[in-house]
Amino acid sequence: MVRTQIQLTEEQVMALKKIALSRHLSVAEIIRQAVDTVIRTDTVVDIEERRKRAIDIVGRFSSGKRDISRKHDTYLVEAFGK
């Protein structure tokens, strides 16, 4: 393991201590788990993959409406309100 130093707010320290106590773990272990979660859930997708995903989805869904390109603002207001 590599030792590192971070600065936390008083509120963060109090919350971490409470969580650590309730889980019977050290504060350091809670921080390591949090870092692992961030690393695991980071979903950086490069621009080419994003473009491919966007193109792949074209035409997969149908609203049944034939004037979406002209009346898209109207449909958005109906769907989400003002």
Foldseek 3Di string as FASTA:
>chain_A
DDDDDDDDDPVVVVVLVVVCVVVVHDSVVVVVVVVVVCVVPDDDDDPVVVVVVVVVCPPVDDPPDDCCVPCVVVVVCVVPND
